[in-house]
PDB file of N, CA and C in Angstrom:
ATOM      1  N   MET A   1      43.582  41.176   2.364  1.00  0.00           N
ATOM      2  CA  MET A   1      42.484  41.468   1.664  1.00  0.00           C
ATOM      3  C   MET A   1      41.388  41.252   2.989  1.00  0.00           C
ATOM      4  N   LYS A   2      41.065  42.284   3.277  1.00  0.00           N
ATOM      5  CA  LYS A   2      39.977  42.114   4.212  1.00  0.00           C
ATOM      6  C   LYS A   2      38.477  41.468   4.012  1.00  0.00           C
ATOM      7  N   ASN A   3      38.075  41.472   2.683  1.00  0.00           N
ATOM      8  CA  ASN A   3      36.861  41.072   2.272  1.00  0.00           C
ATOM      9  C   ASN A   3      37.063  39.804   1.252  1.00  0.00           C
ATOM     10  N   TYR A   4      37.971  39.116   1.373  1.00  0.00           N
ATOM     11  CA  TYR A   4      38.298  37.853   0.878  1.00  0.00           C
ATOM     12  C   TYR A   4      38.934  36.976   1.774  1.00  0.00           C
ATOM     13  N   ASP A   5      38.220  35.692   2.098  1.00  0.00           N
ATOM     14  CA  ASP A   5      38.756  34.976   3.095  1.00  0.00           C
ATOM     15  C   ASP A   5      39.244  33.428   2.628  1.00  0.00           C
ATOM     16  N   TYR A   6      39.644  32.776   3.166  1.00  0.00           N
ATOM     17  CA  TYR A   6      40.125  31.247   2.682  1.00  0.00           C
ATOM     18  C   TYR A   6      38.739  30.670   2.090  1.00  0.00           C
ATOM     19  N   LYS A   7      37.580  30.682   2.602  1.00  0.00           N
ATOM     20  CA  LYS A   7      36.545  29.801   1.770  1.00  0.00           C
ATOM     21  C   LYS A   7      36.154  30.587   0.241  1.00  0.00           C
ATOM     22  N   LEU A   8      36.369  32.076   0.455  1.00  0.00           N
ATOM     23  CA  LEU A   8      36.176  32.578  -1.014  1.00  0.00           C
ATOM     24  C   LEU A   8      37.312  32.397  -1.984  1.00  0.00           C
ATOM     25  N   LEU A   9      38.381  31.835  -1.295  1.00  0.00           N
ATOM     26  CA  LEU A   9      39.858  31.295  -1.958  1.00  0.00           C
ATOM     27  C   LEU A   9      39.354  29.878  -2.785  1.00  0.00           C
ATOM     28  N   LEU A  10      38.664  29.035  -1.555  1.00  0.00           N
ATOM     29  CA  LEU A  10      38.490  27.772  -2.218  1.00  0.00           C
ATOM     30  C   LEU A  10      37.406  27.952  -3.348  1.00  0.00           C
ATOM     31  N   GLU A  11      36.346  28.609  -3.069  1.00  0.00           N
ATOM     32  CA  GLU A  11      35.380  28.802  -4.098  1.00  0.00           C
ATOM     33  C   GLU A  11      35.837  29.284  -5.724  1.00  0.00           C
ATOM     34  N   ASP A  12      36.469  30.189  -5.656  1.00  0.00           N
ATOM     35  CA  ASP A  12      37.137  30.728  -6.964  1.00  0.00           C
ATOM     36  C   ASP A  12      38.051  29.504  -7.414  1.00  0.00           C
ATOM     37  N   LEU A  13      38.806  28.837  -6.983  1.00  0.00           N
ATOM     38  CA  LEU A  13      39.747  27.712  -7.175  1.00  0.00           C
ATOM     39  C   LEU A  13      38.962  26.846  -7.745  1.00  0.00           C
ATOM     40  N   GLY A  14      37.756  26.409  -7.201  1.00  0.00           N
ATOM     41  CA  GLY A  14      36.962  25.420  -7.577  1.00  0.00           C
ATOM     42  C   GLY A  14      36.208  25.505  -8.830  1.00  0.00           C
ATOM     43  N   GLU A  15      36.185  26.809  -9.144  1.00  0.00           N
ATOM     44  CA  GLU A  15      35.583  27.492 -10.378  1.00  0.00           C
ATOM     45  C   GLU A  15      36.892  27.531 -11.298  1.00  0.00           C
ATOM     46  N   GLY A  16      37.927  27.114 -11.061  1.00  0.00           N
ATOM     47  CA  GLY A  16      38.953  26.874 -11.941  1.00  0.00           C
ATOM     48  C   GLY A  16      39.870  28.476 -12.162  1.00  0.00           C
ATOM     49  N   ARG A  17      39.404  29.694 -11.294  1.00  0.00           N
ATOM     50  CA  ARG A  17      40.404  30.618 -11.415  1.00  0.00           C
ATOM     51  C   ARG A  17      41.831  30.468 -10.654  1.00  0.00           C
ATOM     52  N   GLU A  18      42.455  30.995 -11.069  1.00  0.00           N
ATOM     53  CA  GLU A  18      44.112  31.414 -10.609  1.00  0.00           C
ATOM     54  C   GLU A  18      43.610  32.629  -9.614  1.00  0.00           C
ATOM     55  N   ILE A  19      44.998  32.310  -8.461  1.00  0.00           N
ATOM     56  CA  ILE A  19      44.752  33.505  -7.644  1.00  0.00           C
ATOM     57  C   ILE A  19      46.339  34.101  -7.636  1.00  0.00           C
ATOM     58  N   GLU A  20      46.719  35.050  -7.746  1.00  0.00           N
ATOM     59  CA  GLU A  20      48.257  35.781  -7.076  1.00  0.00           C
ATOM     60  C   GLU A  20      47.964  36.654  -6.343  1.00  0.00           C
ATOM     61  N   PHE A  21      48.970  36.571  -5.206  1.00  0.00           N
ATOM     62  CA  PHE A  21      49.145  37.620  -4.040  1.00  0.00           C
ATOM     63  C   PHE A  21      50.434  37.835  -3.704  1.00  0.00           C
ATOM     64  N   LYS A  22      50.485  38.715  -3.076  1.00  0.00           N
ATOM     65  CA  LYS A  22      51.745  39.396  -2.592  1.00  0.00           C
ATOM     66  C   LYS A  22      51.662  39.159  -0.827  1.00  0.00           C
ATOM     67  N   TYR A  23      53.117  38.583  -0.373  1.00  0.00           N
ATOM     68  CA  TYR A  23      52.971  38.659   1.276  1.00  0.00           C
ATOM     69  C   TYR A  23      54.337  38.608   1.408  1.00  0.00           C
ATOM     70  N   ASN A  24      54.650  39.417   2.518  1.00  0.00           N
ATOM     71  CA  ASN A  24      56.155  39.791   2.865  1.00  0.00           C
ATOM     72  C   ASN A  24      56.877  39.871   1.812  1.00  0.00           C
ATOM     73  N   GLU A  25      56.537  41.025   0.922  1.00  0.00           N
ATOM     74  CA  GLU A  25      57.797  41.224  -0.139  1.00  0.00           C
ATOM     75  C   GLU A  25      57.972  40.082  -1.214  1.00  0.00           C
ATOM     76  N   ALA A  26      56.976  39.062  -1.323  1.00  0.00           N
ATOM     77  CA  ALA A  26      57.196  37.971  -2.272  1.00  0.00           C
ATOM     78  C   ALA A  26      55.975  38.019  -3.034  1.00  0.00           C
ATOM     79  N   SER A  27      55.936  37.530  -4.199  1.00  0.00           N
ATOM     80  CA  SER A  27      54.746  37.337  -5.242  1.00  0.00           C
ATOM     81  C   SER A  27      54.739  35.739  -5.114  1.00  0.00           C
ATOM     82  N   TYR A  28      53.243  35.279  -5.152  1.00  0.00           N
ATOM     83  CA  TYR A  28      52.952  33.833  -4.599  1.00  0.00           C
ATOM     84  C   TYR A  28      51.793  33.846  -6.054  1.00  0.00           C
ATOM     85  N   GLY A  29      51.540  32.637  -6.426  1.00  0.00           N
ATOM     86  CA  GLY A  29      50.485  32.194  -7.505  1.00  0.00           C
ATOM     87  C   GLY A  29      50.099  31.010  -7.048  1.00  0.00           C
ATOM     88  N   ILE A  30      48.800  30.774  -7.376  1.00  0.00           N
ATOM     89  CA  ILE A  30      48.071  29.270  -7.651  1.00  0.00           C
ATOM     90  C   ILE A  30      47.619  29.018  -8.879  1.00  0.00           C
ATOM     91  N   VAL A  31      48.427  28.321  -9.487  1.00  0.00           N
ATOM     92  CA  VAL A  31      48.080  28.293 -11.065  1.00  0.00           C
ATOM     93  C   VAL A  31      48.041  26.941 -11.653  1.00  0.00           C
ATOM     94  N   HIS A  32      47.292  26.676 -12.841  1.00  0.00           N
ATOM     95  CA  HIS A  32      46.729  25.798 -13.423  1.00  0.00           C
ATOM     96  C   HIS A  32      47.790  25.385 -14.776  1.00  0.00           C
ATOM     97  N   PHE A  33      48.344  24.540 -15.016  1.00  0.00           N
ATOM     98  CA  PHE A  33      48.851  24.166 -16.550  1.00  0.00           C
ATOM     99  C   PHE A  33      48.009  22.858 -16.748  1.00  0.00           C
ATOM    100  N   SER A  34      48.644  22.267 -17.792  1.00  0.00           N
ATOM    101  CA  SER A  34      48.148  21.024 -18.338  1.00  0.00           C
ATOM    102  C   SER A  34      48.566  19.991 -17.249  1.00  0.00           C
ATOM    103  N   GLU A  35      49.829  19.874 -16.807  1.00  0.00           N
ATOM    104  CA  GLU A  35      50.455  19.066 -15.802  1.00  0.00           C
ATOM    105  C   GLU A  35      49.480  19.022 -14.544  1.00  0.00           C
ATOM    106  N   GLY A  36      48.697  20.121 -14.045  1.00  0.00           N
ATOM    107  CA  GLY A  36      47.761  20.334 -12.881  1.00  0.00           C
ATOM    108  C   GLY A  36      48.117  21.515 -12.161  1.00  0.00           C
ATOM    109  N   TRP A  37      47.734  21.758 -10.861  1.00  0.00           N
ATOM    110  CA  TRP A  37      47.682  22.714 -10.240  1.00  0.00           C
ATOM    111  C   TRP A  37      49.042  22.745  -9.396  1.00  0.00           C
ATOM    112  N   PHE A  38      49.669  24.041  -9.252  1.00  0.00           N
ATOM    113  CA  PHE A  38      50.625  24.095  -8.317  1.00  0.00           C
ATOM    114  C   PHE A  38      51.043  25.573  -7.878  1.00  0.00           C
ATOM    115  N   PHE A  39      51.890  25.627  -6.708  1.00  0.00           N
ATOM    116  CA  PHE A  39      52.054  27.040  -6.021  1.00  0.00           C
ATOM    117  C   PHE A  39      53.533  27.620  -6.637  1.00  0.00           C
ATOM    118  N   VAL A  40      53.566  28.810  -6.717  1.00  0.00           N
ATOM    119  CA  VAL A  40      54.814  29.415  -7.139  1.00  0.00           C
ATOM    120  C   VAL A  40      55.126  30.750  -6.423  1.00  0.00           C
ATOM    121  N   ALA A  41      56.453  30.767  -6.157  1.00  0.00           N
ATOM    122  CA  ALA A  41      56.786  31.943  -5.450  1.00  0.00           C
ATOM    123  C   ALA A  41      57.754  32.512  -6.070  1.00  0.00           C
ATOM    124  N   ASP A  42      57.713  33.893  -6.281  1.00  0.00           N
ATOM    125  CA  ASP A  42      58.591  34.787  -7.497  1.00  0.00           C
ATOM    126  C   ASP A  42      58.683  33.966  -8.703  1.00  0.00           C
ATOM    127  N   ASN A  43      57.802  33.730  -9.224  1.00  0.00           N
ATOM    128  CA  ASN A  43      57.751  32.825 -10.454  1.00  0.00           C
ATOM    129  C   ASN A  43      58.347  31.789 -10.563  1.00  0.00           C
ATOM    130  N   LYS A  44      58.911  30.964  -9.247  1.00  0.00           N
ATOM    131  CA  LYS A  44      59.478  29.542  -9.481  1.00  0.00           C
ATOM    132  C   LYS A  44      58.296  28.694  -8.896  1.00  0.00           C
ATOM    133  N   ARG A  45      58.137  27.549  -9.411  1.00  0.00           N
ATOM    134  CA  ARG A  45      57.386  26.556  -9.086  1.00  0.00           C
ATOM    135  C   ARG A  45      57.826  25.819  -7.836  1.00  0.00           C
ATOM    136  N   ILE A  46      57.274  25.670  -6.529  1.00  0.00           N
ATOM    137  CA  ILE A  46      57.601  25.346  -5.386  1.00  0.00           C
ATOM    138  C   ILE A  46      57.305  24.268  -4.875  1.00  0.00           C
ATOM    139  N   SER A  47      56.189  23.704  -5.555  1.00  0.00           N
ATOM    140  CA  SER A  47      55.182  22.918  -5.140  1.00  0.00           C
ATOM    141  C   SER A  47      55.130  21.600  -6.285  1.00  0.00           C
ATOM    142  N   GLU A  48      54.488  20.375  -5.902  1.00  0.00           N
ATOM    143  CA  GLU A  48      54.202  19.263  -6.605  1.00  0.00           C
ATOM    144  C   GLU A  48      53.009  19.580  -7.668  1.00  0.00           C
ATOM    145  N   TYR A  49      52.878  18.992  -8.459  1.00  0.00           N
ATOM    146  CA  TYR A  49      51.551  19.056  -9.500  1.00  0.00           C
ATOM    147  C   TYR A  49      50.361  18.443  -8.616  1.00  0.00           C
ATOM    148  N   TYR A  50      49.186  19.088  -8.672  1.00  0.00           N
ATOM    149  CA  TYR A  50      47.926  18.493  -7.962  1.00  0.00           C
ATOM    150  C   TYR A  50      46.698  18.553  -9.022  1.00  0.00           C
ATOM    151  N   LYS A  51      46.092  17.601  -9.018  1.00  0.00           N
ATOM    152  CA  LYS A  51      44.847  17.401  -9.753  1.00  0.00           C
ATOM    153  C   LYS A  51      43.830  18.320  -9.248  1.00  0.00           C
ATOM    154  N   ASN A  52      43.779  18.555  -7.865  1.00  0.00           N
ATOM    155  CA  ASN A  52      42.460  19.186  -7.356  1.00  0.00           C
ATOM    156  C   ASN A  52      43.204  20.378  -6.581  1.00  0.00           C
ATOM    157  N   PRO A  53      42.785  21.482  -6.796  1.00  0.00           N
ATOM    158  CA  PRO A  53      43.399  22.738  -5.984  1.00  0.00           C
ATOM    159  C   PRO A  53      43.385  22.992  -4.806  1.00  0.00           C
ATOM    160  N   HIS A  54      41.997  22.203  -4.251  1.00  0.00           N
ATOM    161  CA  HIS A  54      41.983  22.113  -3.014  1.00  0.00           C
ATOM    162  C   HIS A  54      42.930  21.487  -2.039  1.00  0.00           C
ATOM    163  N   GLU A  55      43.237  20.579  -2.954  1.00  0.00           N
ATOM    164  CA  GLU A  55      44.504  19.539  -2.143  1.00  0.00           C
ATOM    165  C   GLU A  55      45.835  20.477  -2.013  1.00  0.00           C
ATOM    166  N   LEU A  56      45.857  21.141  -3.346  1.00  0.00           N
ATOM    167  CA  LEU A  56      47.043  22.063  -2.944  1.00  0.00           C
ATOM    168  C   LEU A  56      47.183  22.937  -1.999  1.00  0.00           C
ATOM    169  N   VAL A  57      46.250  23.736  -1.736  1.00  0.00           N
ATOM    170  CA  VAL A  57      46.214  24.924  -0.787  1.00  0.00           C
ATOM    171  C   VAL A  57      46.431  24.338   0.555  1.00  0.00           C
ATOM    172  N   GLU A  58      45.744  23.365   1.066  1.00  0.00           N
ATOM    173  CA  GLU A  58      46.046  22.492   2.056  1.00  0.00           C
ATOM    174  C   GLU A  58      47.393  21.975   2.487  1.00  0.00           C
ATOM    175  N   THR A  59      48.256  22.026   1.603  1.00  0.00           N
ATOM    176  CA  THR A  59      49.546  21.428   1.766  1.00  0.00           C
ATOM    177  C   THR A  59      50.396  23.176   1.781  1.00  0.00           C
ATOM    178  N   ILE A  60      50.070  24.190   1.359  1.00  0.00           N
ATOM    179  CA  ILE A  60      51.105  25.198   1.372  1.00  0.00           C
ATOM    180  C   ILE A  60      51.140  25.863   2.363  1.00  0.00           C
ATOM    181  N   CYS A  61      52.654  26.117   2.956  1.00  0.00           N
ATOM    182  CA  CYS A  61      52.542  27.066   4.345  1.00  0.00           C
ATOM    183  C   CYS A  61      53.713  28.014   3.485  1.00  0.00           C
ATOM    184  N   ILE A  62      53.423  29.168   4.202  1.00  0.00           N
ATOM    185  CA  ILE A  62      54.514  30.597   3.747  1.00  0.00           C
ATOM    186  C   ILE A  62      54.789  30.833   5.375  1.00  0.00           C
ATOM    187  N   GLY A  63      56.184  30.557   5.636  1.00  0.00           N
ATOM    188  CA  GLY A  63      56.666  31.032   6.766  1.00  0.00           C
ATOM    189  C   GLY A  63      55.845  30.460   7.947  1.00  0.00           C
ATOM    190  N   GLY A  64      55.795  29.141   7.677  1.00  0.00           N
ATOM    191  CA  GLY A  64      55.138  28.274   8.918  1.00  0.00           C
ATOM    192  C   GLY A  64      53.478  28.482   8.797  1.00  0.00           C
ATOM    193  N   LYS A  65      52.912  29.057   8.329  1.00  0.00           N
ATOM    194  CA  LYS A  65      51.893  29.707   8.379  1.00  0.00           C
ATOM    195  C   LYS A  65      51.010  29.041   6.988  1.00  0.00           C
ATOM    196  N   LYS A  66      49.631  28.455   7.650  1.00  0.00           N
ATOM    197  CA  LYS A  66      49.008  27.733   6.215  1.00  0.00           C
ATOM    198  C   LYS A  66      48.536  29.232   5.266  1.00  0.00           C
ATOM    199  N   LEU A  67      47.932  28.781   4.381  1.00  0.00           N
ATOM    200  CA  LEU A  67      47.099  29.923   3.644  1.00  0.00           C
ATOM    201  C   LEU A  67      45.878  29.805   4.269  1.00  0.00           C
ATOM    202  N   GLU A  68      44.968  29.217   5.021  1.00  0.00           N
ATOM    203  CA  GLU A  68      43.837  29.454   5.678  1.00  0.00           C
ATOM    204  C   GLU A  68      44.095  30.534   6.656  1.00  0.00           C
ATOM    205  N   GLU A  69      45.458  30.342   7.313  1.00  0.00           N
ATOM    206  CA  GLU A  69      45.602  31.590   8.415  1.00  0.00           C
ATOM    207  C   GLU A  69      45.738  32.495   7.935  1.00  0.00           C
ATOM    208  N   LEU A  70      46.316  32.780   6.564  1.00  0.00           N
ATOM    209  CA  LEU A  70      46.790  33.972   6.186  1.00  0.00           C
ATOM    210  C   LEU A  70      45.629  34.841   5.717  1.00  0.00           C
ATOM    211  N   PHE A  71      44.707  33.655   4.990  1.00  0.00           N
ATOM    212  CA  PHE A  71      43.633  34.683   4.242  1.00  0.00           C
ATOM    213  C   PHE A  71      42.732  35.024   5.333  1.00  0.00           C
ATOM    214  N   ASN A  72      42.158  34.295   6.248  1.00  0.00           N
ATOM    215  CA  ASN A  72      41.224  34.594   7.444  1.00  0.00           C
ATOM    216  C   ASN A  72      41.867  35.603   8.124  1.00  0.00           C
ATOM    217  N   GLY A  73      43.176  35.842   8.421  1.00  0.00           N
ATOM    218  CA  GLY A  73      43.627  36.443   8.948  1.00  0.00           C
ATOM    219  C   GLY A  73      43.870  37.983   8.714  1.00  0.00           C
ATOM    220  N   GLY A  74      43.528  38.184   7.352  1.00  0.00           N
ATOM    221  CA  GLY A  74      43.624  39.622   6.540  1.00  0.00           C
ATOM    222  C   GLY A  74      44.871  39.955   6.722  1.00  0.00           C
ATOM    223  N   VAL A  75      45.928  39.386   6.330  1.00  0.00           N
ATOM    224  CA  VAL A  75      47.007  39.763   6.301  1.00  0.00           C
ATOM    225  C   VAL A  75      47.912  39.797   4.909  1.00  0.00           C
ATOM    226  N   ILE A  76      46.627  39.224   3.736  1.00  0.00           N
ATOM    227  CA  ILE A  76      47.140  39.513   2.270  1.00  0.00           C
ATOM    228  C   ILE A  76      46.811  40.850   2.288  1.00  0.00           C
ATOM    229  N   PRO A  77      47.569  41.599   1.595  1.00  0.00           N
ATOM    230  CA  PRO A  77      47.406  42.849   1.103  1.00  0.00           C
ATOM    231  C   PRO A  77      46.409  42.863  -0.378  1.00  0.00           C
ATOM    232  N   ASP A  78      45.554  44.192  -0.431  1.00  0.00           N
ATOM    233  CA  ASP A  78      44.798  44.451  -1.561  1.00  0.00           C
ATOM    234  C   ASP A  78      45.964  44.554  -2.970  1.00  0.00           C
ATOM    235  N   GLU A  79      46.825  45.209  -2.392  1.00  0.00           N
ATOM    236  CA  GLU A  79      47.823  45.465  -3.666  1.00  0.00           C
ATOM    237  C   GLU A  79      48.622  44.440  -3.980  1.00  0.00           C
ATOM    238  N   GLY A  80      48.643  43.780  -5.342  1.00  0.00           N
ATOM    239  CA  GLY A  80      49.134  43.089  -5.893  1.00  0.00           C
ATOM    240  C   GLY A  80      47.987  41.260  -5.883  1.00  0.00           C
ATOM    241  N   PHE A  81      46.965  41.632  -5.155  1.00  0.00           N
ATOM    242  CA  PHE A  81      46.001  40.752  -5.229  1.00  0.00           C
ATOM    243  C   PHE A  81      45.407  40.420  -6.610  1.00  0.00           C
ATOM    244  N   TYR A  82      45.234  39.305  -7.150  1.00  0.00           N
ATOM    245  CA  TYR A  82      44.443  38.968  -8.278  1.00  0.00           C
ATOM    246  C   TYR A  82      43.761  37.804  -8.260  1.00  0.00           C
ATOM    247  N   ILE A  83      42.804  37.633  -9.047  1.00  0.00           N
ATOM    248  CA  ILE A  83      41.729  36.599  -9.492  1.00  0.00           C
ATOM    249  C   ILE A  83      41.804  36.856 -10.880  1.00  0.00           C
ATOM    250  N   LEU A  84      42.230  35.737 -11.636  1.00  0.00           N
ATOM    251  CA  LEU A  84      42.561  35.465 -12.714  1.00  0.00           C
ATOM    252  C   LEU A  84      41.506  34.488 -13.277  1.00  0.00           C
TER     253      LEU A  84
END
């Protein structure tokens, strides 16, 4: 996403929104259920539950890269990117 960066990601999550995106041919999501926030890859939960989405996104790495690097680097494609 060229116009969507890590700061906007944190703002949207802080408002309770969920994020879905694709990267390197895999689908990812930062989602919320009654247990809390968690991270999914190809529809499988791959993180613990977190009460705070900001704590969650600081722990996520994809291919050794933090989400901050991916979103600020503009490597998340527009196709398959959703704010729910």
